[in-house]
C-alpha atoms as a PDB file:
ATOM      1  CA  MET A   1      -5.849 105.812   5.910  1.00  0.00           C
ATOM      2  CA  GLY A   2      -4.185 106.889   2.761  1.00  0.00           C
ATOM      3  CA  ARG A   3      -1.075 107.738   4.393  1.00  0.00           C
ATOM      4  CA  ARG A   4      -1.021 104.740   6.124  1.00  0.00           C
ATOM      5  CA  ILE A   5      -1.568 102.586   2.768  1.00  0.00           C
ATOM      6  CA  LEU A   6       1.250 104.688   1.105  1.00  0.00           C
ATOM      7  CA  ASP A   7       3.934 104.172   4.025  1.00  0.00           C
ATOM      8  CA  ALA A   8       3.259 100.709   4.017  1.00  0.00           C
ATOM      9  CA  ALA A   9       3.471 100.545   0.509  1.00  0.00           C
ATOM     10  CA  VAL A  10       6.910 102.162   0.797  1.00  0.00           C
ATOM     11  CA  ASP A  11       8.097 100.035   3.729  1.00  0.00           C
ATOM     12  CA  VAL A  12       7.778  97.028   1.222  1.00  0.00           C
ATOM     13  CA  MET A  13       9.520  98.486  -1.367  1.00  0.00           C
ATOM     14  CA  ASP A  14      12.201  99.722   1.165  1.00  0.00           C
ATOM     15  CA  GLN A  15      12.701  96.057   2.497  1.00  0.00           C
ATOM     16  CA  LEU A  16      12.921  94.184  -0.974  1.00  0.00           C
ATOM     17  CA  LEU A  17      15.317  96.812  -2.064  1.00  0.00           C
ATOM     18  CA  ARG A  18      17.217  95.712   1.157  1.00  0.00           C
ATOM     19  CA  ALA A  19      17.009  92.089   0.413  1.00  0.00           C
ATOM     20  CA  THR A  20      18.073  92.659  -3.511  1.00  0.00           C
ATOM     21  CA  TYR A  21      21.230  94.179  -2.565  1.00  0.00           C
ATOM     22  CA  ALA A  22      22.280  91.585   0.690  1.00  0.00           C
ATOM     23  CA  SER A  23      24.127  88.458  -0.100  1.00  0.00           C
ATOM     24  CA  LYS A  24      22.050  85.603  -0.634  1.00  0.00           C
ATOM     25  CA  GLN A  25      22.732  83.914   2.271  1.00  0.00           C
ATOM     26  CA  SER A  26      22.901  86.553   4.742  1.00  0.00           C
ATOM     27  CA  VAL A  27      20.463  87.100   7.923  1.00  0.00           C
ATOM     28  CA  GLU A  28      19.861  90.690   6.713  1.00  0.00           C
ATOM     29  CA  ARG A  29      18.165  89.367   3.614  1.00  0.00           C
ATOM     30  CA  LEU A  30      16.149  87.080   5.361  1.00  0.00           C
ATOM     31  CA  ALA A  31      15.291  89.829   8.045  1.00  0.00           C
ATOM     32  CA  ALA A  32      14.534  92.087   5.180  1.00  0.00           C
ATOM     33  CA  LEU A  33      12.214  89.661   3.317  1.00  0.00           C
ATOM     34  CA  ALA A  34      10.504  88.524   6.421  1.00  0.00           C
ATOM     35  CA  ALA A  35       9.753  92.607   7.175  1.00  0.00           C
ATOM     36  CA  ALA A  36       8.657  93.092   3.508  1.00  0.00           C
ATOM     37  CA  ASN A  37       6.119  89.620   4.096  1.00  0.00           C
ATOM     38  CA  GLN A  38       4.490  91.458   6.966  1.00  0.00           C
ATOM     39  CA  ARG A  39       4.197  95.032   5.698  1.00  0.00           C
ATOM     40  CA  VAL A  40       2.485  93.459   2.328  1.00  0.00           C
ATOM     41  CA  ALA A  41      -0.059  91.489   5.200  1.00  0.00           C
ATOM     42  CA  LEU A  42      -0.920  94.964   6.634  1.00  0.00           C
ATOM     43  CA  LEU A  43      -1.030  96.815   3.235  1.00  0.00           C
ATOM     44  CA  ARG A  44      -3.728  93.959   2.455  1.00  0.00           C
ATOM     45  CA  LEU A  45      -5.599  94.665   5.373  1.00  0.00           C
ATOM     46  CA  LEU A  46      -5.576  98.522   5.029  1.00  0.00           C
ATOM     47  CA  LEU A  47      -6.788  98.164   1.361  1.00  0.00           C
ATOM     48  CA  ARG A  48      -9.515  95.742   2.797  1.00  0.00           C
ATOM     49  CA  GLY A  49     -10.579  98.412   5.156  1.00  0.00           C
ATOM     50  CA  ALA A  50     -10.498 101.009   2.394  1.00  0.00           C
ATOM     51  CA  ARG A  51     -12.725  99.117   0.440  1.00  0.00           C
ATOM     52  CA  GLU A  52     -15.127  98.156   3.107  1.00  0.00           C
ATOM     53  CA  ARG A  53     -15.346 102.189   4.037  1.00  0.00           C
ATOM     54  CA  ARG A  54     -15.540 102.596   0.150  1.00  0.00           C
ATOM     55  CA  HIS A  55     -12.516 105.076  -0.034  1.00  0.00           C
ATOM     56  CA  ILE A  56     -11.679 102.868  -3.189  1.00  0.00           C
ATOM     57  CA  SER A  57     -13.866 101.245  -5.505  1.00  0.00           C
ATOM     58  CA  ILE A  58     -14.142  97.274  -5.514  1.00  0.00           C
ATOM     59  CA  ASP A  59     -11.881  97.568  -8.944  1.00  0.00           C
ATOM     60  CA  GLN A  60      -9.440  99.588  -7.294  1.00  0.00           C
ATOM     61  CA  HIS A  61      -9.000  97.121  -4.291  1.00  0.00           C
ATOM     62  CA  ASP A  62      -9.065  93.798  -6.479  1.00  0.00           C
ATOM     63  CA  PHE A  63      -5.965  95.672  -8.623  1.00  0.00           C
ATOM     64  CA  ALA A  64      -4.117  96.600  -5.636  1.00  0.00           C
ATOM     65  CA  ALA A  65      -4.568  93.057  -4.008  1.00  0.00           C
ATOM     66  CA  GLY A  66      -3.378  91.151  -7.008  1.00  0.00           C
ATOM     67  CA  ARG A  67      -0.155  93.473  -6.963  1.00  0.00           C
ATOM     68  CA  CYS A  68       0.279  92.552  -2.766  1.00  0.00           C
ATOM     69  CA  ALA A  69      -0.314  88.947  -3.607  1.00  0.00           C
ATOM     70  CA  ARG A  70       2.327  89.142  -6.513  1.00  0.00           C
ATOM     71  CA  GLU A  71       4.614  90.876  -3.732  1.00  0.00           C
ATOM     72  CA  GLN A  72       4.489  88.486  -1.043  1.00  0.00           C
ATOM     73  CA  SER A  73       4.861  85.654  -3.260  1.00  0.00           C
ATOM     74  CA  ALA A  74       8.064  86.683  -4.364  1.00  0.00           C
ATOM     75  CA  SER A  75       8.974  87.874  -0.975  1.00  0.00           C
ATOM     76  CA  ARG A  76       8.498  84.183   0.092  1.00  0.00           C
ATOM     77  CA  GLU A  77      10.109  82.539  -2.924  1.00  0.00           C
ATOM     78  CA  GLY A  78      13.348  84.913  -2.309  1.00  0.00           C
ATOM     79  CA  SER A  79      13.570  83.934   1.487  1.00  0.00           C
ATOM     80  CA  GLN A  80      13.143  80.115   0.586  1.00  0.00           C
ATOM     81  CA  GLU A  81      16.080  80.485  -1.912  1.00  0.00           C
ATOM     82  CA  ALA A  82      18.218  82.167   0.774  1.00  0.00           C
ATOM     83  CA  GLN A  83      17.860  79.201   3.249  1.00  0.00           C
END
């Protein structure tokens, strides 16, 4: 499970980096932001599962979930700006 969480987090960073370097009104930027948003949703589910199975503490989950919420909010704002 830890490997999947790490892979999802790296994928989010990759998609956000792609969106950063794409032109503001491009289809590539919207696609990268949408992909990042999906990966953040997956990451949140994986973290919840890890917490329920007690692989991570509640405090660790709360910290990571808060970071995911910020990333998801940022990717949504970026996609709205591009439209």
